[in-house]
C-alpha atoms as a PDB file:
ATOM      1  CA  UNK A   1      89.805 134.793 108.912  1.00  0.00           C
ATOM      2  CA  UNK A   2      93.625 133.984 108.498  1.00  0.00           C
ATOM      3  CA  UNK A   3      93.548 132.067 111.926  1.00  0.00           C
ATOM      4  CA  UNK A   4      90.711 130.083 110.925  1.00  0.00           C
ATOM      5  CA  UNK A   5      92.276 127.875 108.423  1.00  0.00           C
ATOM      6  CA  UNK A   6      88.949 126.296 107.397  1.00  0.00           C
ATOM      7  CA  UNK A   7      87.219 129.235 106.790  1.00  0.00           C
ATOM      8  CA  UNK A   8      90.459 130.525 104.810  1.00  0.00           C
ATOM      9  CA  UNK A   9      91.214 127.538 102.828  1.00  0.00           C
ATOM     10  CA  UNK A  10      87.103 127.415 101.683  1.00  0.00           C
ATOM     11  CA  UNK A  11      87.469 130.871 100.327  1.00  0.00           C
ATOM     12  CA  UNK A  12      91.031 130.757  98.984  1.00  0.00           C
ATOM     13  CA  UNK A  13      89.680 127.788  96.964  1.00  0.00           C
ATOM     14  CA  UNK A  14      86.630 129.598  95.724  1.00  0.00           C
ATOM     15  CA  UNK A  15      89.134 132.409  93.978  1.00  0.00           C
ATOM     16  CA  UNK A  16      92.621 131.365  93.626  1.00  0.00           C
ATOM     17  CA  UNK A  17      91.820 130.720  89.802  1.00  0.00           C
ATOM     18  CA  UNK A  18      90.894 134.712  89.493  1.00  0.00           C
ATOM     19  CA  UNK A  19      93.511 136.250  91.754  1.00  0.00           C
ATOM     20  CA  UNK A  20      97.258 135.572  91.212  1.00  0.00           C
ATOM     21  CA  UNK A  21      97.940 136.552  94.847  1.00  0.00           C
ATOM     22  CA  UNK A  22      95.237 134.235  96.174  1.00  0.00           C
ATOM     23  CA  UNK A  23      96.643 131.310  93.837  1.00  0.00           C
ATOM     24  CA  UNK A  24     100.150 131.859  95.406  1.00  0.00           C
ATOM     25  CA  UNK A  25      98.949 132.455  99.296  1.00  0.00           C
ATOM     26  CA  UNK A  26      96.958 129.305  98.948  1.00  0.00           C
ATOM     27  CA  UNK A  27     100.207 127.192  97.647  1.00  0.00           C
ATOM     28  CA  UNK A  28     102.020 128.677 100.908  1.00  0.00           C
ATOM     29  CA  UNK A  29      99.125 127.694 103.126  1.00  0.00           C
ATOM     30  CA  UNK A  30      98.866 124.445 102.003  1.00  0.00           C
ATOM     31  CA  UNK A  31     103.166 124.050 102.077  1.00  0.00           C
ATOM     32  CA  UNK A  32     102.586 125.312 105.620  1.00  0.00           C
ATOM     33  CA  UNK A  33      99.976 122.910 106.637  1.00  0.00           C
ATOM     34  CA  UNK A  34     102.174 120.114 104.824  1.00  0.00           C
ATOM     35  CA  UNK A  35      99.114 119.156 103.046  1.00  0.00           C
ATOM     36  CA  UNK A  36     101.215 117.599  99.709  1.00  0.00           C
ATOM     37  CA  UNK A  37      98.118 116.283  98.101  1.00  0.00           C
ATOM     38  CA  UNK A  38      96.262 119.675  98.039  1.00  0.00           C
ATOM     39  CA  UNK A  39      99.398 121.518  97.233  1.00  0.00           C
ATOM     40  CA  UNK A  40      99.890 119.207  94.267  1.00  0.00           C
ATOM     41  CA  UNK A  41      96.211 119.604  93.165  1.00  0.00           C
ATOM     42  CA  UNK A  42      96.342 123.225  93.508  1.00  0.00           C
ATOM     43  CA  UNK A  43      99.684 123.657  91.992  1.00  0.00           C
ATOM     44  CA  UNK A  44      98.930 121.559  88.892  1.00  0.00           C
ATOM     45  CA  UNK A  45      95.811 123.584  88.227  1.00  0.00           C
ATOM     46  CA  UNK A  46      97.605 126.910  88.657  1.00  0.00           C
ATOM     47  CA  UNK A  47     100.437 125.518  86.141  1.00  0.00           C
ATOM     48  CA  UNK A  48      98.155 125.199  83.266  1.00  0.00           C
ATOM     49  CA  UNK A  49      97.208 129.332  83.461  1.00  0.00           C
ATOM     50  CA  UNK A  50      98.810 131.739  81.785  1.00  0.00           C
ATOM     51  CA  UNK A  51     101.545 134.083  83.368  1.00  0.00           C
ATOM     52  CA  UNK A  52     102.660 130.823  85.670  1.00  0.00           C
ATOM     53  CA  UNK A  53     106.210 131.533  86.201  1.00  0.00           C
ATOM     54  CA  UNK A  54     105.621 132.398  89.827  1.00  0.00           C
ATOM     55  CA  UNK A  55     103.746 129.519  90.577  1.00  0.00           C
ATOM     56  CA  UNK A  56     106.308 127.084  88.627  1.00  0.00           C
ATOM     57  CA  UNK A  57     108.952 128.646  91.011  1.00  0.00           C
ATOM     58  CA  UNK A  58     107.027 128.244  94.078  1.00  0.00           C
ATOM     59  CA  UNK A  59     106.565 124.333  93.031  1.00  0.00           C
ATOM     60  CA  UNK A  60     110.254 124.208  92.252  1.00  0.00           C
ATOM     61  CA  UNK A  61     111.132 125.469  95.482  1.00  0.00           C
ATOM     62  CA  UNK A  62     108.644 123.765  97.590  1.00  0.00           C
ATOM     63  CA  UNK A  63     107.608 120.423  96.164  1.00  0.00           C
ATOM     64  CA  UNK A  64     108.433 116.929  97.300  1.00  0.00           C
ATOM     65  CA  UNK A  65     110.304 116.263  93.865  1.00  0.00           C
ATOM     66  CA  UNK A  66     110.627 112.262  94.518  1.00  0.00           C
ATOM     67  CA  UNK A  67     106.933 112.157  95.157  1.00  0.00           C
ATOM     68  CA  UNK A  68     105.723 114.601  92.395  1.00  0.00           C
ATOM     69  CA  UNK A  69     108.280 114.146  89.744  1.00  0.00           C
ATOM     70  CA  UNK A  70     105.583 114.947  86.800  1.00  0.00           C
ATOM     71  CA  UNK A  71     104.677 118.074  88.472  1.00  0.00           C
ATOM     72  CA  UNK A  72     108.194 119.078  89.285  1.00  0.00           C
ATOM     73  CA  UNK A  73     109.270 118.495  85.644  1.00  0.00           C
ATOM     74  CA  UNK A  74     106.517 120.434  84.326  1.00  0.00           C
ATOM     75  CA  UNK A  75     107.340 123.363  86.629  1.00  0.00           C
ATOM     76  CA  UNK A  76     110.815 123.295  85.870  1.00  0.00           C
ATOM     77  CA  UNK A  77     109.855 123.480  81.941  1.00  0.00           C
ATOM     78  CA  UNK A  78     107.505 126.161  82.517  1.00  0.00           C
ATOM     79  CA  UNK A  79     110.066 128.475  84.671  1.00  0.00           C
ATOM     80  CA  UNK A  80     112.831 128.019  82.111  1.00  0.00           C
ATOM     81  CA  UNK A  81     110.433 128.866  79.363  1.00  0.00           C
ATOM     82  CA  UNK A  82     109.138 131.741  80.877  1.00  0.00           C
ATOM     83  CA  UNK A  83     112.382 133.248  82.137  1.00  0.00           C
ATOM     84  CA  UNK A  84     113.982 132.691  78.774  1.00  0.00           C
ATOM     85  CA  UNK A  85     111.096 134.819  77.058  1.00  0.00           C
ATOM     86  CA  UNK A  86     112.335 137.568  79.330  1.00  0.00           C
ATOM     87  CA  UNK A  87     115.632 137.655  77.344  1.00  0.00           C
END
């Protein structure tokens, strides 16, 4: 299934809201495929979920900051708050 991108994306898109690892893997897959529009769509949704620090870190490290400035800023805010809460 992992070699069939269409099947993988179909299934991962059905379950990424219910499983943190699937969400992170879906972000990675869209990054691998250089599909910035889908990476943006999925990341925007994931950043609204609880326990979203890992999603935010992925966005910070992987999103095109100039093209998706608002998402990048949101991710920075979420990540900063999440790290601050750890201390």
